[in-house]
Amino acid sequence: MAVRSLLRSSPCGGGHIHVPVPWRSGAALAAVLAALALAACAGPGRLPGGAPSGPTAAGPSGPGGSLAQPPVPPPYAPPARQFRLGPAASALVAQSHAQAGSGEYAAAGATLERALRIEPDNPLLWVELGRVQLSEGNAGQAGSMGRKALTLATGDPAAQASSWRLIADSLHAQGRTPEALEAERHAASLAPQ
């Protein structure tokens, strides 16, 4: 296929554009490339005729002569959700309650860890395990589990409140009363007890 070169002058004064065009079907390609060259010259803020575009093209808007501000989108809010336990995890939680009720905290903790292998991202299970840790006297561990639950409870105010209550109880157990009261305020602001 024979090819010829077509020299065109750029309308934006940028020199010449060298456009190879096939001899027989080059007219369509040349038209497309010329349109692209014109669009590139227009760029943002300029119309093809050289006139400015955008809000300044029409002049100031509003009574004070200031430009109208674009609407500000609302901040991102995660969708509301409510965590629930699946059937297997629910059965394991019931078993752990029975074990903790008879003072078998190690067995209750192991049972909840089995449930966490089934549903590792469920904040309710982390709160349950934190409660067992608190009953065993491991307030620091309980607080860590409450914070883990809080990070997972995004979008569920009830789960967030349970997490904050666990954190508050662990802080009380450590004698950190001012911080515990602040955690209780967080819990109260999210959901009633």
C-alpha atoms as a PDB file:
ATOM      1  CA  MET A   1       0.000   0.000   0.000  1.00  0.00           C
ATOM      2  CA  ALA A   2       1.445   3.351  -0.984  1.00  0.00           C
ATOM      3  CA  VAL A   3       1.787   5.983   1.713  1.00  0.00           C
ATOM      4  CA  ARG A   4       2.105   9.714   1.243  1.00  0.00           C
ATOM      5  CA  SER A   5       2.875  12.387   3.800  1.00  0.00           C
ATOM      6  CA  LEU A   6       0.417  15.118   4.485  1.00  0.00           C
ATOM      7  CA  LEU A   7       1.700  18.350   5.977  1.00  0.00           C
ATOM      8  CA  ARG A   8      -0.814  20.464   7.778  1.00  0.00           C
ATOM      9  CA  SER A   9      -0.369  23.640   9.660  1.00  0.00           C
ATOM     10  CA  SER A  10      -1.375  23.403  13.323  1.00  0.00           C
ATOM     11  CA  PRO A  11      -4.059  25.971  14.157  1.00  0.00           C
ATOM     12  CA  CYS A  12      -2.500  26.586  17.583  1.00  0.00           C
ATOM     13  CA  GLY A  13       0.758  27.763  16.078  1.00  0.00           C
ATOM     14  CA  GLY A  14       2.785  24.723  17.130  1.00  0.00           C
ATOM     15  CA  GLY A  15       4.452  24.229  13.731  1.00  0.00           C
ATOM     16  CA  HIS A  16       3.586  21.393  11.422  1.00  0.00           C
ATOM     17  CA  ILE A  17       2.103  17.989  12.059  1.00  0.00           C
ATOM     18  CA  HIS A  18       3.511  15.220   9.873  1.00  0.00           C
ATOM     19  CA  VAL A  19       0.690  12.732   9.302  1.00  0.00           C
ATOM     20  CA  PRO A  20       1.370   9.621   7.178  1.00  0.00           C
ATOM     21  CA  VAL A  21      -1.830   8.762   5.329  1.00  0.00           C
ATOM     22  CA  PRO A  22      -2.517   5.678   3.174  1.00  0.00           C
ATOM     23  CA  TRP A  23      -3.043   6.763  -0.433  1.00  0.00           C
ATOM     24  CA  ARG A  24      -6.533   5.334  -0.952  1.00  0.00           C
ATOM     25  CA  SER A  25      -8.206   5.597   2.491  1.00  0.00           C
ATOM     26  CA  GLY A  26      -6.178   8.410   3.987  1.00  0.00           C
ATOM     27  CA  ALA A  27      -8.822  11.121   3.848  1.00  0.00           C
ATOM     28  CA  ALA A  28     -10.791   9.697   6.763  1.00  0.00           C
ATOM     29  CA  LEU A  29      -7.661   9.130   8.847  1.00  0.00           C
ATOM     30  CA  ALA A  30      -6.411  12.640   8.055  1.00  0.00           C
ATOM     31  CA  ALA A  31      -9.734  14.114   9.192  1.00  0.00           C
ATOM     32  CA  VAL A  32      -9.597  12.197  12.491  1.00  0.00           C
ATOM     33  CA  LEU A  33      -6.003  13.243  13.150  1.00  0.00           C
ATOM     34  CA  ALA A  34      -6.774  16.872  12.308  1.00  0.00           C
ATOM     35  CA  ALA A  35      -9.710  16.789  14.761  1.00  0.00           C
ATOM     36  CA  LEU A  36      -7.439  15.352  17.458  1.00  0.00           C
ATOM     37  CA  ALA A  37      -4.854  18.078  16.786  1.00  0.00           C
ATOM     38  CA  LEU A  38      -7.534  20.745  17.162  1.00  0.00           C
ATOM     39  CA  ALA A  39      -8.804  19.175  20.389  1.00  0.00           C
ATOM     40  CA  ALA A  40      -5.263  19.080  21.787  1.00  0.00           C
ATOM     41  CA  CYS A  41      -4.798  22.752  21.004  1.00  0.00           C
ATOM     42  CA  ALA A  42      -8.037  23.648  22.763  1.00  0.00           C
ATOM     43  CA  GLY A  43      -6.880  22.033  26.040  1.00  0.00           C
ATOM     44  CA  PRO A  44      -8.661  22.629  29.317  1.00  0.00           C
ATOM     45  CA  GLY A  45      -9.963  26.136  29.845  1.00  0.00           C
ATOM     46  CA  ARG A  46     -10.142  27.047  26.141  1.00  0.00           C
ATOM     47  CA  LEU A  47     -12.774  26.481  23.528  1.00  0.00           C
ATOM     48  CA  PRO A  48     -11.663  25.668  19.936  1.00  0.00           C
ATOM     49  CA  GLY A  49     -12.171  29.303  18.939  1.00  0.00           C
ATOM     50  CA  GLY A  50      -9.759  30.418  21.670  1.00  0.00           C
ATOM     51  CA  ALA A  51     -12.464  31.716  24.034  1.00  0.00           C
ATOM     52  CA  PRO A  52     -12.171  30.699  27.686  1.00  0.00           C
ATOM     53  CA  SER A  53     -14.487  27.975  28.917  1.00  0.00           C
ATOM     54  CA  GLY A  54     -15.870  27.143  32.362  1.00  0.00           C
ATOM     55  CA  PRO A  55     -17.385  29.469  34.968  1.00  0.00           C
ATOM     56  CA  THR A  56     -15.265  32.464  33.928  1.00  0.00           C
ATOM     57  CA  ALA A  57     -16.539  32.272  30.338  1.00  0.00           C
ATOM     58  CA  ALA A  58     -19.991  33.436  31.358  1.00  0.00           C
ATOM     59  CA  GLY A  59     -18.718  35.937  33.894  1.00  0.00           C
ATOM     60  CA  PRO A  60     -19.378  36.033  37.613  1.00  0.00           C
ATOM     61  CA  SER A  61     -22.468  34.402  38.941  1.00  0.00           C
ATOM     62  CA  GLY A  62     -24.538  35.410  41.887  1.00  0.00           C
ATOM     63  CA  PRO A  63     -25.395  38.830  43.285  1.00  0.00           C
ATOM     64  CA  GLY A  64     -22.003  39.555  44.889  1.00  0.00           C
ATOM     65  CA  GLY A  65     -20.043  38.872  41.723  1.00  0.00           C
ATOM     66  CA  SER A  66     -18.362  35.787  43.161  1.00  0.00           C
ATOM     67  CA  LEU A  67     -18.271  32.460  41.436  1.00  0.00           C
ATOM     68  CA  ALA A  68     -20.669  29.800  42.644  1.00  0.00           C
ATOM     69  CA  GLN A  69     -18.975  27.086  44.695  1.00  0.00           C
ATOM     70  CA  PRO A  70     -19.522  23.504  43.572  1.00  0.00           C
ATOM     71  CA  PRO A  71     -21.524  21.416  46.029  1.00  0.00           C
ATOM     72  CA  VAL A  72     -19.390  19.625  48.593  1.00  0.00           C
ATOM     73  CA  PRO A  73     -20.109  15.893  48.729  1.00  0.00           C
ATOM     74  CA  PRO A  74     -21.012  14.579  52.169  1.00  0.00           C
ATOM     75  CA  PRO A  75     -18.267  12.678  53.984  1.00  0.00           C
ATOM     76  CA  TYR A  76     -18.150   8.955  53.345  1.00  0.00           C
ATOM     77  CA  ALA A  77     -20.297   7.005  55.755  1.00  0.00           C
ATOM     78  CA  PRO A  78     -20.039   3.224  55.649  1.00  0.00           C
ATOM     79  CA  PRO A  79     -23.319   1.451  55.087  1.00  0.00           C
ATOM     80  CA  ALA A  80     -25.195   0.469  58.225  1.00  0.00           C
ATOM     81  CA  ARG A  81     -24.906  -3.176  59.108  1.00  0.00           C
ATOM     82  CA  GLN A  82     -25.673  -5.489  61.961  1.00  0.00           C
ATOM     83  CA  PHE A  83     -23.344  -8.327  62.835  1.00  0.00           C
ATOM     84  CA  ARG A  84     -24.866 -11.672  63.718  1.00  0.00           C
ATOM     85  CA  LEU A  85     -23.423 -15.028  64.622  1.00  0.00           C
ATOM     86  CA  GLY A  86     -23.794 -17.906  62.208  1.00  0.00           C
ATOM     87  CA  PRO A  87     -25.294 -21.182  63.494  1.00  0.00           C
ATOM     88  CA  ALA A  88     -21.948 -22.878  64.176  1.00  0.00           C
ATOM     89  CA  ALA A  89     -20.437 -19.854  65.916  1.00  0.00           C
ATOM     90  CA  SER A  90     -23.649 -19.357  67.897  1.00  0.00           C
ATOM     91  CA  ALA A  91     -23.515 -22.945  69.170  1.00  0.00           C
ATOM     92  CA  LEU A  92     -19.874 -22.494  70.186  1.00  0.00           C
ATOM     93  CA  VAL A  93     -20.685 -19.243  72.019  1.00  0.00           C
ATOM     94  CA  ALA A  94     -23.454 -21.023  73.951  1.00  0.00           C
ATOM     95  CA  GLN A  95     -20.992 -23.793  74.834  1.00  0.00           C
ATOM     96  CA  SER A  96     -18.405 -21.208  75.991  1.00  0.00           C
ATOM     97  CA  HIS A  97     -21.034 -19.532  78.213  1.00  0.00           C
ATOM     98  CA  ALA A  98     -21.718 -22.865  79.913  1.00  0.00           C
ATOM     99  CA  GLN A  99     -17.984 -23.458  80.362  1.00  0.00           C
ATOM    100  CA  ALA A 100     -17.356 -19.968  81.758  1.00  0.00           C
ATOM    101  CA  GLY A 101     -20.398 -20.336  84.046  1.00  0.00           C
ATOM    102  CA  SER A 102     -18.750 -23.344  85.693  1.00  0.00           C
ATOM    103  CA  GLY A 103     -15.413 -21.564  86.015  1.00  0.00           C
ATOM    104  CA  GLU A 104     -13.705 -23.306  83.088  1.00  0.00           C
ATOM    105  CA  TYR A 105     -12.319 -20.124  81.555  1.00  0.00           C
ATOM    106  CA  ALA A 106      -9.496 -21.803  79.631  1.00  0.00           C
ATOM    107  CA  ALA A 107     -11.981 -24.175  77.965  1.00  0.00           C
ATOM    108  CA  ALA A 108     -14.363 -21.277  77.257  1.00  0.00           C
ATOM    109  CA  GLY A 109     -11.525 -19.335  75.636  1.00  0.00           C
ATOM    110  CA  ALA A 110     -10.535 -22.339  73.518  1.00  0.00           C
ATOM    111  CA  THR A 111     -14.149 -22.781  72.403  1.00  0.00           C
ATOM    112  CA  LEU A 112     -14.358 -19.118  71.368  1.00  0.00           C
ATOM    113  CA  GLU A 113     -11.077 -19.430  69.471  1.00  0.00           C
ATOM    114  CA  ARG A 114     -12.698 -22.264  67.492  1.00  0.00           C
ATOM    115  CA  ALA A 115     -15.593 -19.936  66.720  1.00  0.00           C
ATOM    116  CA  LEU A 116     -13.118 -17.258  65.599  1.00  0.00           C
ATOM    117  CA  ARG A 117     -11.589 -19.706  63.128  1.00  0.00           C
ATOM    118  CA  ILE A 118     -15.061 -19.957  61.584  1.00  0.00           C
ATOM    119  CA  GLU A 119     -15.859 -16.204  61.668  1.00  0.00           C
ATOM    120  CA  PRO A 120     -12.584 -14.301  62.188  1.00  0.00           C
ATOM    121  CA  ASP A 121     -14.019 -10.900  61.204  1.00  0.00           C
ATOM    122  CA  ASN A 122     -17.033 -10.993  63.498  1.00  0.00           C
ATOM    123  CA  PRO A 123     -16.581  -8.379  66.261  1.00  0.00           C
ATOM    124  CA  LEU A 124     -19.153 -10.113  68.478  1.00  0.00           C
ATOM    125  CA  LEU A 125     -16.827 -13.092  68.888  1.00  0.00           C
ATOM    126  CA  TRP A 126     -13.912 -10.850  69.794  1.00  0.00           C
ATOM    127  CA  VAL A 127     -16.061  -9.193  72.482  1.00  0.00           C
ATOM    128  CA  GLU A 128     -17.036 -12.624  73.835  1.00  0.00           C
ATOM    129  CA  LEU A 129     -13.398 -13.730  73.993  1.00  0.00           C
ATOM    130  CA  GLY A 130     -12.477 -10.421  75.657  1.00  0.00           C
ATOM    131  CA  ARG A 131     -15.133 -11.024  78.322  1.00  0.00           C
ATOM    132  CA  VAL A 132     -13.631 -14.454  79.066  1.00  0.00           C
ATOM    133  CA  GLN A 133     -10.156 -12.895  79.270  1.00  0.00           C
ATOM    134  CA  LEU A 134     -11.488 -10.258  81.659  1.00  0.00           C
ATOM    135  CA  SER A 135     -13.049 -12.985  83.834  1.00  0.00           C
ATOM    136  CA  GLU A 136      -9.664 -14.715  83.972  1.00  0.00           C
ATOM    137  CA  GLY A 137      -8.048 -11.480  85.184  1.00  0.00           C
ATOM    138  CA  ASN A 138      -6.341 -10.624  81.873  1.00  0.00           C
ATOM    139  CA  ALA A 139      -7.559  -7.024  81.633  1.00  0.00           C
ATOM    140  CA  GLY A 140      -4.856  -5.995  79.168  1.00  0.00           C
ATOM    141  CA  GLN A 141      -5.758  -8.831  76.800  1.00  0.00           C
ATOM    142  CA  ALA A 142      -9.452  -8.017  77.181  1.00  0.00           C
ATOM    143  CA  GLY A 143      -8.807  -4.392  76.227  1.00  0.00           C
ATOM    144  CA  SER A 144      -6.838  -5.486  73.154  1.00  0.00           C
ATOM    145  CA  MET A 145      -9.698  -7.715  72.083  1.00  0.00           C
ATOM    146  CA  GLY A 146     -12.143  -4.862  72.606  1.00  0.00           C
ATOM    147  CA  ARG A 147     -10.054  -2.627  70.329  1.00  0.00           C
ATOM    148  CA  LYS A 148      -9.861  -5.409  67.723  1.00  0.00           C
ATOM    149  CA  ALA A 149     -13.656  -5.768  67.881  1.00  0.00           C
ATOM    150  CA  LEU A 150     -14.040  -2.004  67.527  1.00  0.00           C
ATOM    151  CA  THR A 151     -12.001  -1.961  64.308  1.00  0.00           C
ATOM    152  CA  LEU A 152     -14.141  -4.770  62.881  1.00  0.00           C
ATOM    153  CA  ALA A 153     -17.474  -3.273  63.986  1.00  0.00           C
ATOM    154  CA  THR A 154     -17.536  -0.476  61.393  1.00  0.00           C
ATOM    155  CA  GLY A 155     -21.115   0.384  60.482  1.00  0.00           C
ATOM    156  CA  ASP A 156     -22.731  -1.457  63.426  1.00  0.00           C
ATOM    157  CA  PRO A 157     -23.388   0.904  66.350  1.00  0.00           C
ATOM    158  CA  ALA A 158     -24.523  -1.919  68.661  1.00  0.00           C
ATOM    159  CA  ALA A 159     -21.309  -3.906  68.077  1.00  0.00           C
ATOM    160  CA  GLN A 160     -19.272  -0.731  68.498  1.00  0.00           C
ATOM    161  CA  ALA A 161     -21.024  -0.001  71.807  1.00  0.00           C
ATOM    162  CA  SER A 162     -20.307  -3.556  73.044  1.00  0.00           C
ATOM    163  CA  SER A 163     -16.656  -3.091  72.081  1.00  0.00           C
ATOM    164  CA  TRP A 164     -16.451   0.218  73.954  1.00  0.00           C
ATOM    165  CA  ARG A 165     -18.085  -1.367  77.042  1.00  0.00           C
ATOM    166  CA  LEU A 166     -15.478  -4.138  77.028  1.00  0.00           C
ATOM    167  CA  ILE A 167     -12.708  -1.546  76.692  1.00  0.00           C
ATOM    168  CA  ALA A 168     -14.225   0.449  79.576  1.00  0.00           C
ATOM    169  CA  ASP A 169     -14.456  -2.642  81.797  1.00  0.00           C
ATOM    170  CA  SER A 170     -10.859  -3.592  81.039  1.00  0.00           C
ATOM    171  CA  LEU A 171      -9.695  -0.063  81.857  1.00  0.00           C
ATOM    172  CA  HIS A 172     -11.629  -0.099  85.160  1.00  0.00           C
ATOM    173  CA  ALA A 173      -9.959  -3.420  86.023  1.00  0.00           C
ATOM    174  CA  GLN A 174      -6.576  -1.792  85.398  1.00  0.00           C
ATOM    175  CA  GLY A 175      -7.437   1.191  87.618  1.00  0.00           C
ATOM    176  CA  ARG A 176      -7.515   3.619  84.690  1.00  0.00           C
ATOM    177  CA  THR A 177     -10.786   5.263  85.696  1.00  0.00           C
ATOM    178  CA  PRO A 178     -10.668   8.496  83.636  1.00  0.00           C
ATOM    179  CA  GLU A 179     -10.027   6.532  80.429  1.00  0.00           C
ATOM    180  CA  ALA A 180     -12.708   4.018  81.418  1.00  0.00           C
ATOM    181  CA  LEU A 181     -15.258   6.813  81.868  1.00  0.00           C
ATOM    182  CA  GLU A 182     -14.397   8.167  78.415  1.00  0.00           C
ATOM    183  CA  ALA A 183     -14.888   4.692  76.905  1.00  0.00           C
ATOM    184  CA  GLU A 184     -18.250   4.428  78.703  1.00  0.00           C
ATOM    185  CA  ARG A 185     -19.285   7.765  77.154  1.00  0.00           C
ATOM    186  CA  HIS A 186     -18.409   6.402  73.704  1.00  0.00           C
ATOM    187  CA  ALA A 187     -20.505   3.305  74.373  1.00  0.00           C
ATOM    188  CA  ALA A 188     -23.466   5.331  75.647  1.00  0.00           C
ATOM    189  CA  SER A 189     -23.377   7.612  72.603  1.00  0.00           C
ATOM    190  CA  LEU A 190     -23.648   4.640  70.231  1.00  0.00           C
ATOM    191  CA  ALA A 191     -26.332   2.424  71.728  1.00  0.00           C
ATOM    192  CA  PRO A 192     -28.254   2.084  74.959  1.00  0.00           C
ATOM    193  CA  GLN A 193     -27.225  -0.720  77.287  1.00  0.00           C
END
